[in-house]
């Protein structure tokens, strides 16, 4: 796997599969939730925290958090305080 090579190809496939064309993507949280059916959590954590992952054995769910970027307009305009989960 080569992230620099595979990432753009995966992004192009995602855009094609979800009819996103080439327009700028607004609220990425909503796009991910609608396209995948997974909830997304944007967390206010320290600058060295990236992708904290937790498992809820009671529900058999994995919770993956994304760090809020204070310089991001979307994160600043739409803070999220809920946890998301997806079963793997």
Foldseek 3Di string as FASTA:
>chain_A
DDCVVVVVVVVVVLCVVVVVPPDDDDQVQVVCCVSPVKHAAADADDPVDAFDWDADVVVQWIWTYGYQDVVDPNCVVDPGDDTIIDHD
